[in-house]
Protein backbone atom coordinates (compact mmCIF):
# COMPACT_ATOMS: atom_id res chain seq x y z
CA MET A 1 -19.70 -20.00 4.57
CA LEU A 2 -17.55 -17.19 3.22
CA GLN A 3 -20.34 -14.77 2.60
CA GLY A 4 -21.60 -14.95 6.16
CA ARG A 5 -18.13 -14.23 7.60
CA PHE A 6 -16.52 -11.34 5.88
CA LEU A 7 -18.61 -9.65 3.22
CA ALA A 8 -18.46 -5.91 3.76
CA THR A 9 -21.65 -4.86 5.55
CA ILE A 10 -23.25 -1.44 5.89
CA LEU A 11 -25.69 0.44 8.05
CA LEU A 12 -28.07 2.62 6.11
CA LEU A 13 -28.49 5.79 8.02
CA GLY A 14 9.24 6.23 13.62
CA ILE A 15 11.25 8.26 14.52
CA TRP A 16 14.71 8.75 13.08
CA ILE A 17 17.41 11.47 13.23
CA PRO A 18 19.49 12.45 10.19
CA ILE A 19 22.96 11.05 10.58
CA ARG A 20 25.92 12.28 8.51
CA ALA A 21 27.35 9.53 6.35
CA GLN A 22 30.48 8.19 8.00
CA ASP A 23 32.12 7.26 4.73
CA SER A 24 35.73 8.48 5.00
CA LEU A 25 35.56 10.30 1.65
CA LEU A 26 33.30 12.99 3.15
CA TYR A 27 35.97 13.71 5.73
CA ARG A 28 38.97 13.74 3.48
CA THR A 29 40.56 17.21 3.11
CA LEU A 30 40.62 19.21 -0.06
CA THR A 31 42.88 22.05 -1.20
CA ILE A 32 41.45 24.26 -3.94
CA PRO A 33 42.86 27.62 -5.07
CA ASP A 34 40.74 30.71 -4.55
CA THR A 35 38.37 31.22 -7.42
CA VAL A 36 35.03 32.89 -8.17
CA CYS A 37 32.65 30.71 -10.11
CA THR A 38 29.12 29.34 -10.32
CA VAL A 39 27.91 26.60 -8.00
CA GLU A 40 27.74 24.30 -11.00
CA SER A 41 31.43 24.87 -11.78
CA ALA A 42 32.36 24.39 -8.11
CA LEU A 43 30.64 21.00 -8.11
CA ARG A 44 32.55 19.99 -11.22
CA ILE A 45 35.85 20.92 -9.50
CA ILE A 46 34.86 18.79 -6.56
CA GLU A 47 34.11 15.85 -8.88
CA ARG A 48 37.57 16.19 -10.50
CA GLN A 49 39.36 16.51 -7.15
CA THR A 50 37.58 13.57 -5.46
CA GLY A 51 36.79 11.25 -8.39
CA LEU A 52 33.23 11.12 -7.18
CA SER A 53 30.19 11.53 -9.38
CA LEU A 54 27.61 13.95 -7.84
CA SER A 55 23.93 13.03 -7.79
CA TYR A 56 21.26 15.50 -6.85
CA ASN A 57 17.84 16.87 -7.71
CA ALA A 58 18.32 19.98 -9.85
CA GLY A 59 15.58 21.76 -7.96
CA LEU A 60 17.56 21.65 -4.74
CA ILE A 61 20.51 23.71 -5.93
CA ASN A 62 20.84 27.06 -7.68
CA LYS A 63 23.60 26.02 -10.10
CA LYS A 64 23.95 29.51 -11.61
CA LYS A 65 24.61 31.27 -8.31
CA VAL A 66 28.12 32.79 -8.23
CA VAL A 67 30.22 31.93 -5.16
CA SER A 68 33.73 32.50 -3.84
CA PHE A 69 35.06 28.94 -3.92
CA VAL A 70 38.12 27.96 -1.95
CA ALA A 71 39.31 25.06 0.18
CA ARG A 72 42.51 25.24 2.37
CA GLY A 73 42.92 21.72 3.65
CA GLU A 74 39.24 21.48 4.65
CA ARG A 75 36.97 18.47 4.85
CA LEU A 76 34.83 17.75 1.79
CA ILE A 77 31.65 17.86 3.86
CA ASP A 78 32.49 21.38 5.09
CA VAL A 79 33.36 22.58 1.61
CA LEU A 80 30.03 21.33 0.32
CA SER A 81 28.12 22.86 3.21
CA ARG A 82 29.69 26.30 2.67
CA THR A 83 29.42 26.27 -1.10
CA LEU A 84 25.76 25.20 -1.26
CA ASP A 85 24.88 27.36 1.79
CA ASN A 86 21.74 25.36 2.66
CA PRO A 87 21.79 23.78 6.14
CA ALA A 88 18.82 21.63 5.18
CA LEU A 89 20.87 19.60 2.72
CA ASP A 90 22.46 16.26 3.65
CA PHE A 91 25.25 14.27 2.01
CA SER A 92 26.04 10.61 1.58
CA VAL A 93 28.74 8.72 -0.36
CA ILE A 94 27.58 5.47 -1.99
CA GLY A 95 30.24 3.70 -3.96
CA ARG A 96 31.74 6.40 -6.19
CA HIS A 97 28.62 8.59 -6.02
CA LEU A 98 28.14 11.57 -3.73
CA VAL A 99 24.39 12.05 -3.12
CA ILE A 100 23.10 15.48 -2.15
CA TYR A 101 19.51 15.46 -0.82
CA GLN A 102 17.18 17.33 1.46
CA PRO A 103 15.31 15.34 4.15
CA MET A 104 12.00 16.74 5.27
CA LYS A 105 11.40 17.73 8.88
CA VAL A 106 7.91 17.39 10.33
CA ALA A 107 6.26 17.08 13.74
CA ALA A 108 6.27 13.43 14.77
CA ALA A 109 2.96 11.85 13.72
CA ASN A 110 3.53 8.77 15.86
CA PRO A 111 1.77 9.41 19.19
CA GLU A 112 4.19 6.93 20.89
CA SER A 113 7.31 8.79 19.64
CA THR A 114 9.61 10.36 22.21
CA ALA A 115 10.80 13.00 19.68
CA ASP A 116 9.04 16.26 18.78
CA SER A 117 10.10 16.09 15.15
CA VAL A 118 11.33 13.53 12.62
CA TYR A 119 13.21 13.56 9.26
CA TYR A 120 12.54 11.63 6.10
CA PHE A 121 12.87 11.93 2.31
CA GLU A 122 10.37 10.96 -0.34
CA ILE A 123 10.35 8.92 -3.50
CA ARG A 124 7.34 9.77 -5.66
CA GLY A 125 6.18 8.44 -8.97
CA ARG A 126 3.53 6.94 -11.22
CA ILE A 127 3.49 3.29 -12.40
CA LEU A 128 2.31 2.79 -16.00
CA ASP A 129 2.02 -0.06 -18.48
CA ARG A 130 4.78 0.52 -21.05
CA ALA A 131 2.60 -0.55 -24.00
CA ASP A 132 -0.53 1.59 -23.50
CA ARG A 133 0.59 4.04 -20.73
CA GLN A 134 -2.34 3.00 -18.58
CA PRO A 135 -1.88 3.21 -14.78
CA LEU A 136 -1.07 0.03 -12.78
CA PRO A 137 -2.94 0.31 -9.47
CA TYR A 138 -1.86 -1.68 -6.37
CA THR A 139 1.71 -2.10 -7.62
CA SER A 140 4.17 -2.83 -4.76
CA ILE A 141 6.96 -0.35 -4.09
CA TYR A 142 9.27 -1.58 -1.39
CA ILE A 143 12.88 -1.72 -0.14
CA LYS A 144 14.47 -4.94 -1.43
CA GLY A 145 15.10 -7.41 1.35
CA LYS A 146 13.34 -5.20 3.91
CA SER A 147 9.79 -5.13 5.23
CA ILE A 148 9.09 -1.49 4.31
CA GLY A 149 7.02 -0.29 1.40
CA THR A 150 3.74 0.94 -0.01
CA VAL A 151 1.42 0.44 -3.03
CA SER A 152 0.26 2.65 -5.88
CA ASN A 153 -3.26 4.08 -5.98
CA GLU A 154 -5.91 3.68 -8.69
CA GLU A 155 -4.03 6.21 -10.84
CA GLY A 156 -0.76 4.36 -10.40
CA ARG A 157 0.68 7.09 -8.17
CA PHE A 158 2.70 6.45 -4.99
CA VAL A 159 4.77 8.17 -2.34
CA LEU A 160 7.38 6.20 -0.39
CA LYS A 161 8.76 7.84 2.78
CA LEU A 162 12.18 6.64 4.02
CA SER A 163 14.74 7.51 6.59
CA SER A 164 18.41 7.97 5.71
CA VAL A 165 19.05 4.45 7.11
CA TYR A 166 17.86 3.15 3.70
CA ILE A 167 19.87 5.45 1.45
CA ARG A 168 22.20 2.61 0.39
CA ASP A 169 19.36 0.20 -0.30
CA THR A 170 17.43 -0.65 -3.42
CA VAL A 171 13.83 0.12 -4.40
CA THR A 172 11.89 -2.67 -6.14
CA ILE A 173 8.74 -1.91 -8.11
CA SER A 174 6.75 -5.09 -8.70
CA CYS A 175 3.42 -5.88 -10.33
CA ILE A 176 2.19 -9.39 -11.11
CA GLY A 177 2.43 -10.07 -14.84
CA TYR A 178 5.13 -7.39 -15.36
CA LYS A 179 8.93 -7.30 -15.30
CA HIS A 180 10.00 -5.75 -12.00
CA VAL A 181 12.07 -2.58 -11.93
CA ILE A 182 15.03 -2.10 -9.52
CA ASN A 183 16.70 1.27 -8.74
CA PRO A 184 19.10 2.47 -6.04
CA VAL A 185 17.40 4.56 -3.40
CA SER A 186 20.12 7.17 -3.80
CA SER A 187 19.16 7.75 -7.46
CA LEU A 188 15.47 8.37 -6.62
CA ILE A 189 15.64 10.63 -3.54
CA ASN A 190 13.14 13.46 -3.77
CA SER A 191 12.27 12.40 -7.31
CA ASP A 192 8.87 12.33 -9.05
CA LYS A 193 8.92 10.29 -12.28
CA ASP A 194 7.01 7.74 -14.36
CA TYR A 195 8.03 4.09 -14.20
CA LEU A 196 7.03 2.08 -17.30
CA LEU A 197 6.62 -1.63 -16.61
CA LYS A 198 6.86 -4.18 -19.42
CA ALA A 199 4.37 -7.08 -19.58
CA ASP A 200 5.93 -10.44 -18.70
CA ILE A 201 3.34 -13.17 -19.38
CA VAL A 202 3.93 -16.66 -20.63
CA SER A 203 0.96 -18.44 -22.16
CA ILE A 204 0.51 -22.09 -21.22
CA GLN A 205 0.43 -24.52 -24.07
CA GLU A 206 -2.72 -26.59 -24.25
CA VAL A 207 -0.85 -29.84 -23.56
CA ILE A 208 0.43 -28.37 -20.28
CA ILE A 209 -3.07 -27.38 -19.22
CA ARG A 210 -4.23 -30.91 -19.68
CA LYS A 211 -1.45 -32.32 -17.49
CA LEU A 212 -1.87 -29.96 -14.52
CA SER A 213 -4.83 -30.15 -12.19
CA PRO A 214 -5.73 -26.73 -10.59
CA VAL A 215 -7.63 -28.57 -7.85
CA LEU A 216 -4.58 -30.62 -6.84
CA LEU A 217 -2.46 -27.46 -6.92
CA LEU A 218 -4.81 -25.66 -4.56
CA GLN A 219 -5.00 -28.60 -2.21
CA ALA A 220 -1.19 -28.78 -2.14
CA ALA A 221 -0.97 -25.02 -1.51
CA SER A 222 -3.32 -25.40 1.45
CA ASP A 223 -1.07 -28.12 2.90
CA LYS A 224 1.99 -25.91 2.58
CA ILE A 225 0.59 -22.92 4.54
CA LYS A 226 2.61 -23.98 7.61
CA ASP A 227 5.81 -23.74 5.56
CA ASN A 228 5.10 -20.64 3.61
CA TYR A 229 3.47 -18.39 6.21
CA PRO A 230 4.83 -17.26 9.62
CA GLN A 231 3.95 -19.39 12.66
CA ASP A 232 5.40 -16.84 15.06
CA PRO A 233 3.88 -13.46 16.00
CA ALA A 234 4.39 -10.22 14.09
CA VAL A 235 3.18 -6.66 14.30
CA LEU A 236 2.20 -5.12 10.98
CA THR A 237 2.10 -1.35 10.59
CA CYS A 238 -0.67 -0.52 8.08
CA PHE A 239 -2.42 2.32 6.35
CA TYR A 240 -6.17 1.83 6.34
CA ARG A 241 -8.89 3.78 4.54
CA GLU A 242 -12.69 3.61 4.26
CA THR A 243 -14.64 5.75 1.76
CA VAL A 244 -18.32 6.28 0.87
CA LYS A 245 -19.44 7.90 -2.37
CA GLN A 246 -22.86 8.95 -3.59
CA GLY A 247 -22.53 8.97 -7.35
CA ASN A 248 -19.27 10.82 -8.03
CA ARG A 249 -19.39 12.74 -4.66
CA TYR A 250 -17.45 11.54 -1.62
CA THR A 251 -19.59 11.83 1.49
CA MET A 252 -17.23 10.18 3.93
CA VAL A 253 -13.50 9.40 4.16
CA SER A 254 -11.88 7.77 7.18
CA GLU A 255 -8.13 6.94 7.41
CA ALA A 256 -5.74 5.64 9.98
CA ILE A 257 -2.33 4.19 10.69
CA LEU A 258 -2.87 0.88 12.46
CA ASN A 259 -0.79 -1.73 14.17
CA GLN A 260 -2.04 -5.31 13.63
CA TYR A 261 -0.88 -7.98 16.01
CA LYS A 262 -0.92 -11.33 14.22
CA PRO A 263 0.01 -14.34 16.34
CA GLY A 264 0.90 -16.43 13.30
CA TYR A 265 -1.01 -18.68 10.90
CA ARG A 266 -1.66 -21.39 13.51
CA THR A 267 -4.75 -19.44 14.62
CA ASP A 268 -7.69 -17.75 12.90
CA ALA A 269 -8.48 -14.04 12.80
CA SER A 270 -10.31 -14.08 16.14
CA SER A 271 -6.98 -13.90 17.96
CA ASP A 272 -5.64 -10.97 15.93
CA GLN A 273 -5.62 -7.47 17.43
CA VAL A 274 -5.80 -3.93 16.01
CA LYS A 275 -4.52 -0.73 17.61
CA ILE A 276 -5.24 2.66 16.01
CA LEU A 277 -2.07 4.75 16.17
CA LYS A 278 -3.47 7.81 14.48
CA GLY A 279 -6.70 8.42 12.52
CA ARG A 280 -8.79 11.12 10.86
CA LYS A 281 -12.14 11.43 9.15
CA SER A 282 -13.99 13.89 6.93
CA GLU A 283 -17.71 13.61 6.30
CA ASP A 284 -20.56 15.54 4.73
CA ILE A 285 -23.91 14.51 6.16
CA SER A 286 -25.59 17.87 5.79
CA ARG A 287 -27.87 17.03 2.87
CA LYS A 288 -31.24 15.90 4.28
CA ASP A 289 -32.09 13.94 1.13
CA THR A 290 -28.95 11.85 1.39
CA VAL A 291 -28.99 8.31 2.69
CA ILE A 292 -26.09 7.88 5.12
CA LEU A 293 -23.92 4.82 4.73
CA LYS A 294 -21.24 3.57 7.08
CA LEU A 295 -19.06 0.51 6.82
CA LYS A 296 -20.07 -1.72 9.72
CA ALA A 297 -17.21 -3.60 11.44
CA GLY A 298 -14.75 -2.55 8.73
CA LEU A 299 -11.74 -3.38 10.89
CA ASN A 300 -13.04 -6.89 11.53
CA THR A 301 -13.68 -7.25 7.79
CA MET A 302 -10.05 -6.31 7.20
CA LEU A 303 -8.85 -9.11 9.56
CA LEU A 304 -11.20 -11.68 8.00
CA LEU A 305 -9.98 -10.79 4.52
CA ASP A 306 -6.66 -12.39 5.35
CA VAL A 307 -7.86 -15.28 3.25
CA VAL A 308 -4.93 -17.59 4.08
CA LYS A 309 -5.71 -17.32 7.76
CA ASN A 310 -9.44 -17.54 7.21
CA MET A 311 -9.73 -19.91 4.20
CA PRO A 312 -12.80 -19.37 2.06
CA ASP A 313 -14.27 -22.50 0.43
CA PHE A 314 -13.06 -21.57 -3.08
CA LEU A 315 -9.41 -21.33 -2.01
CA THR A 316 -8.93 -24.86 -0.81
CA GLY A 317 -9.94 -26.74 -3.98
CA GLU A 318 -11.96 -29.16 -1.86
CA ASP A 319 -15.50 -27.95 -2.59
CA LEU A 320 -15.69 -29.53 -6.07
CA ALA A 321 -19.48 -29.72 -5.94
CA GLU A 322 -19.71 -25.93 -5.85
CA TYR A 323 -16.88 -24.53 -7.96
CA ASP A 324 -15.25 -25.05 -11.37
CA TYR A 325 -11.53 -24.42 -11.67
CA ARG A 326 -9.31 -23.73 -14.70
CA LEU A 327 -5.54 -23.30 -15.00
CA ALA A 328 -5.59 -20.12 -17.15
CA ASP A 329 -2.00 -19.01 -17.49
CA ILE A 330 1.51 -18.66 -16.04
CA VAL A 331 2.30 -15.11 -14.94
CA ILE A 332 5.63 -13.68 -13.83
CA ASP A 333 6.20 -11.81 -10.57
CA LYS A 334 9.67 -10.62 -9.54
CA GLY A 335 11.19 -12.94 -12.11
CA GLN A 336 9.37 -16.00 -10.67
CA ASP A 337 6.76 -18.14 -12.48
CA ASN A 338 3.29 -18.43 -10.96
CA TYR A 339 0.17 -20.37 -11.73
CA ALA A 340 -2.94 -18.32 -12.51
CA ILE A 341 -6.03 -20.34 -11.54
CA GLU A 342 -9.54 -19.12 -12.34
CA PHE A 343 -12.68 -20.28 -10.57
CA SER A 344 -16.41 -19.76 -10.80
CA PRO A 345 -19.63 -21.22 -9.26
CA LYS A 346 -20.98 -24.40 -10.79
CA PRO A 347 -24.26 -23.81 -12.69
CA HIS A 348 -27.31 -23.87 -10.41
CA SER A 349 -25.17 -23.83 -7.22
CA LEU A 350 -27.17 -22.38 -4.32
CA THR A 351 -24.32 -21.74 -1.89
CA SER A 352 -21.37 -20.43 -3.96
CA PHE A 353 -21.37 -16.72 -4.93
CA TYR A 354 -17.85 -15.96 -6.15
CA SER A 355 -15.76 -16.00 -9.31
CA GLY A 356 -12.12 -14.96 -9.39
CA ARG A 357 -8.40 -15.66 -9.86
CA ILE A 358 -5.73 -17.12 -7.57
CA ILE A 359 -1.99 -16.68 -8.15
CA LEU A 360 0.18 -19.52 -6.76
CA GLY A 361 3.98 -19.67 -6.77
CA ILE A 362 5.19 -22.56 -8.95
CA GLN A 363 8.23 -23.27 -6.79
CA ASP A 364 6.74 -22.92 -3.28
CA LEU A 365 2.92 -23.11 -3.97
CA ALA A 366 2.38 -19.99 -1.86
CA TYR A 367 -0.77 -17.91 -2.28
CA LYS A 368 0.47 -14.57 -3.60
CA TRP A 369 -2.61 -12.86 -4.96
CA VAL A 370 -6.37 -13.64 -4.61
CA GLU A 371 -9.02 -11.55 -6.32
CA PHE A 372 -12.70 -12.46 -6.33
CA TYR A 373 -16.06 -10.91 -7.00
CA ILE A 374 -19.70 -11.86 -6.68
CA ASP A 375 -20.82 -13.51 -9.87
CA PRO A 376 -23.41 -11.25 -11.54
CA GLU A 377 -25.97 -14.06 -11.59
CA ASN A 378 -25.74 -14.27 -7.77
CA LEU A 379 -26.04 -10.56 -6.92
CA ASP A 380 -29.73 -10.78 -5.96
CA ARG A 381 -29.15 -13.65 -3.58
CA ALA A 382 -26.08 -11.97 -2.05
CA THR A 383 -27.84 -8.66 -1.17
CA ASP A 384 -29.19 -9.96 2.15
CA PHE A 385 -25.69 -10.69 3.40
CA PHE A 386 -24.67 -7.01 3.03
CA ILE A 387 -27.47 -5.27 4.79
CA VAL A 388 -27.28 -4.92 8.54
CA LYS A 389 -30.27 -2.64 8.90
CA LYS A 390 -32.43 -0.43 6.66
CA PRO A 391 -35.70 1.51 6.89
CA ALA A 392 -38.69 -0.23 5.50
CA PHE A 393 -39.28 2.43 2.88
CA LEU A 394 -35.89 1.75 1.18
CA ARG A 395 -35.05 -0.87 -1.41
CA VAL A 396 -31.42 -1.91 -1.88
CA TRP A 397 -29.64 -3.78 -4.71
CA VAL A 398 -26.05 -4.84 -4.80
CA LEU A 399 -24.53 -3.89 -8.16
CA HIS A 400 -21.08 -5.38 -7.62
CA ALA A 401 -18.73 -6.51 -4.89
CA ASN A 402 -14.98 -6.93 -5.64
CA TYR A 403 -12.12 -8.03 -3.43
CA LYS A 404 -8.28 -8.19 -3.83
CA VAL A 405 -5.81 -9.66 -1.35
CA ALA A 406 -2.06 -9.74 -1.79
CA PHE A 407 0.81 -11.40 0.12
CA GLN A 408 4.50 -10.55 -0.07
CA GLN A 409 7.59 -12.47 1.01
CA SER A 410 9.85 -11.15 3.76
CA ALA A 411 12.67 -13.11 5.43
CA GLY A 412 11.55 -16.29 3.76
CA LYS A 413 7.84 -16.14 4.84
CA TYR A 414 4.76 -14.61 3.20
CA TYR A 415 2.92 -11.86 5.03
CA LEU A 416 -0.34 -10.08 4.30
CA SER A 417 0.51 -7.12 2.08
CA MET A 418 -2.62 -5.46 0.74
CA ILE A 419 -6.40 -5.64 0.89
CA GLN A 420 -8.92 -3.85 -1.32
CA CYS A 421 -12.70 -4.23 -1.07
CA GLU A 422 -15.24 -2.31 -3.12
CA THR A 423 -19.03 -2.64 -3.04
CA GLU A 424 -21.63 -0.70 -5.04
CA PHE A 425 -25.33 -0.42 -4.16
CA ARG A 426 -28.40 1.14 -5.73
CA ILE A 427 -30.69 2.52 -3.04
CA ARG A 428 -34.18 3.70 -3.86
CA ASN A 429 -37.01 5.15 -1.83
CA LYS A 430 -40.26 3.36 -2.80
CA ASN A 431 -41.56 6.66 -4.17
CA GLN A 432 -38.50 7.18 -6.42
CA LEU A 433 -38.07 5.94 -9.99
CA SER A 434 -34.28 5.35 -10.12
CA GLY A 435 -32.75 6.12 -6.70
CA SER A 436 -29.08 6.72 -6.05
CA VAL A 437 -25.87 4.72 -6.48
CA PHE A 438 -23.54 4.45 -3.51
CA ASN A 439 -20.03 3.02 -3.49
CA THR A 440 -18.24 1.85 -0.33
CA ALA A 441 -14.54 0.98 -0.30
CA LEU A 442 -12.05 -0.42 2.18
CA GLU A 443 -8.32 -0.54 1.43
CA MET A 444 -5.29 -1.44 3.49
CA VAL A 445 -1.58 -1.69 2.78
CA VAL A 446 1.12 -3.06 5.12
CA THR A 447 3.98 -0.60 5.22
CA GLU A 448 6.25 -2.30 7.79
CA ILE A 449 6.65 -5.69 9.54
CA ASP A 450 8.14 -6.11 13.00
CA THR A 451 8.89 -9.68 14.18
CA VAL A 452 11.18 -8.61 17.03
CA ASN A 453 8.84 -6.47 19.15
CA ALA A 454 5.71 -8.55 18.57
CA SER A 455 3.67 -8.61 21.74
CA ARG A 456 -0.11 -8.53 22.29
CA PHE A 457 -1.58 -5.11 22.93
CA PRO A 458 -3.14 -4.17 26.30
CA ALA A 459 -6.91 -4.55 26.04
CA ARG A 460 -7.41 -0.80 26.71
CA GLU A 461 -5.37 0.05 23.55
CA THR A 462 -7.20 -2.20 21.13
CA ALA A 463 -9.74 -0.96 18.60
CA ARG A 464 -13.39 -2.05 18.77
CA LEU A 465 -13.45 -4.38 15.78
CA HIS A 466 -17.22 -4.81 15.48
CA GLU A 467 -18.13 -1.11 15.77
CA PHE A 468 -17.95 1.74 13.26
CA PHE A 469 -14.37 2.70 12.54
CA THR A 470 -15.45 6.31 11.88
CA GLU A 471 -16.59 6.68 15.47
CA GLN A 472 -13.14 5.77 16.86
CA ILE A 473 -11.07 8.45 15.18
CA GLY A 474 -10.75 12.23 15.15
CA ALA A 475 -11.28 15.06 12.63
CA TYR A 476 -9.33 15.91 9.44
CA ASP A 477 -5.81 17.43 9.71
CA GLU A 478 -4.02 18.49 6.53
CA SER A 479 -0.47 17.61 7.60
CA PHE A 480 -1.64 14.45 9.33
CA TRP A 481 0.54 11.61 8.14
CA GLY A 482 3.97 13.12 8.74
CA GLU A 483 6.62 10.38 8.38
CA TYR A 484 4.08 7.48 7.82
CA ASN A 485 3.67 5.73 4.49
CA PHE A 486 0.16 5.70 3.13
CA ILE A 487 -1.84 5.11 -0.06
CA THR A 488 -1.72 8.34 -2.04
CA PRO A 489 -5.24 9.68 -2.68
CA ASP A 490 -6.27 9.80 -6.30
CA GLU A 491 -7.13 13.26 -7.64
CA SER A 492 -10.88 13.05 -6.99
CA LEU A 493 -10.37 11.75 -3.47
CA GLU A 494 -7.74 14.42 -2.71
CA ASN A 495 -10.17 17.16 -3.90
CA ALA A 496 -12.90 15.61 -1.79
CA LEU A 497 -10.72 15.61 1.31
CA ILE A 498 -10.07 19.28 0.84
CA LYS A 499 -13.78 20.12 0.36
CA LEU A 500 -14.89 17.95 3.27
CA SER A 501 -12.27 19.37 5.58
CA LYS A 502 -13.44 22.90 4.80
CA GLN A 503 -17.01 21.89 5.64
CA TRP A 504 -15.84 20.21 8.83
CA GLN A 505 -14.04 23.41 9.98
CA GLN A 506 -17.03 25.68 9.35
């Protein structure tokens, strides 16, 4: 059964180097008479002389600075460098646009890197619903046609780190049920802006609902896994985070960049491997009256939550004695129509716990999004599946348990893209009246997919999947992630990391 396999359980106690764009326009010579003018005026003269439109972040350049501007048969790139007088700036010509940007230089975070430092630029922003300006969490932000990206956090915020290799590419922002947004990378470099997504939902007419069987759709989707999902190995680079909160206070935060080896969807999760590339943790266990929670076997839970590789009973459409299904709607994702199928336990079922929603592609019947939660009526029965060990004087109740799993297409196949798991407990000493509420969360986002260098990891390099993740990583480091993409902390988590790190250093 599903609940015995991957419910979150607890214990109660790249390197790249900046390369000058080789577009010939940057190396064409200019001749400009001697003049004294502002940088802004100098850039306008360059635009007129070259026919290029300049694009840059205003914060990078002091446009009012007065300079001696002249060019005597010099290359455009040299004229720009001398006029702007900032060796940190880089230039690239894309079409008829000349992009001026500043890549960041940091110490290489990848322990397997052969370089001491790496360069990248950032695209930052916040994803909001256009109608009500509410944040859209877990929205995908990725390079179109490439296997590189990230997702937004609970507040809709994101940071995407890219090398100059991708400056001519396109960024796609996509959320199920909304029209996707496409922008050139060159127009977003070092930007921080709001992106307003417009809802894109088509309601199904009642006559269509009668004609389509959600059960048959799920059964057909299960049969098409071999066509829609990779059968060959891949290595997924992922950002992974575990958190524990008591009330509104974070008591533990653990994060890492992982490599997942996935041998393809011909095998179950037992053959998958995980390697921790870099990890950190912050924790506050100083309060004697605080119950300590840790996610048990969180890494293994992450692997098991690949629900296409480890099919739960509600996903196949075959367990009709336990679940009711309903075709609820058609939703749009990246301009494509998808079925939205809702499911819930049958009344008086003794073995089914979950209700939720499944998004299937209409054209290819691929599982794209699966969200599920423990039905409130089944919370009492489900509690025993969550508890690994507890002292006899404690009582524990599960208040809710929610899961989200997303898949994204790359090179014609669907790969695991995102996992989010949140569980809330009330824990009470037998002598207490109300006790305390604890929240545990696990989240993972795939930031890169490699199908070329996809080999199994040596046994000595693999993580211990069934042990505490927090005991396999090091302490907090403020500039930790370097060039890696990660899920941006929300404001409360970011503040907690700062506080916990100060306590750790004392």
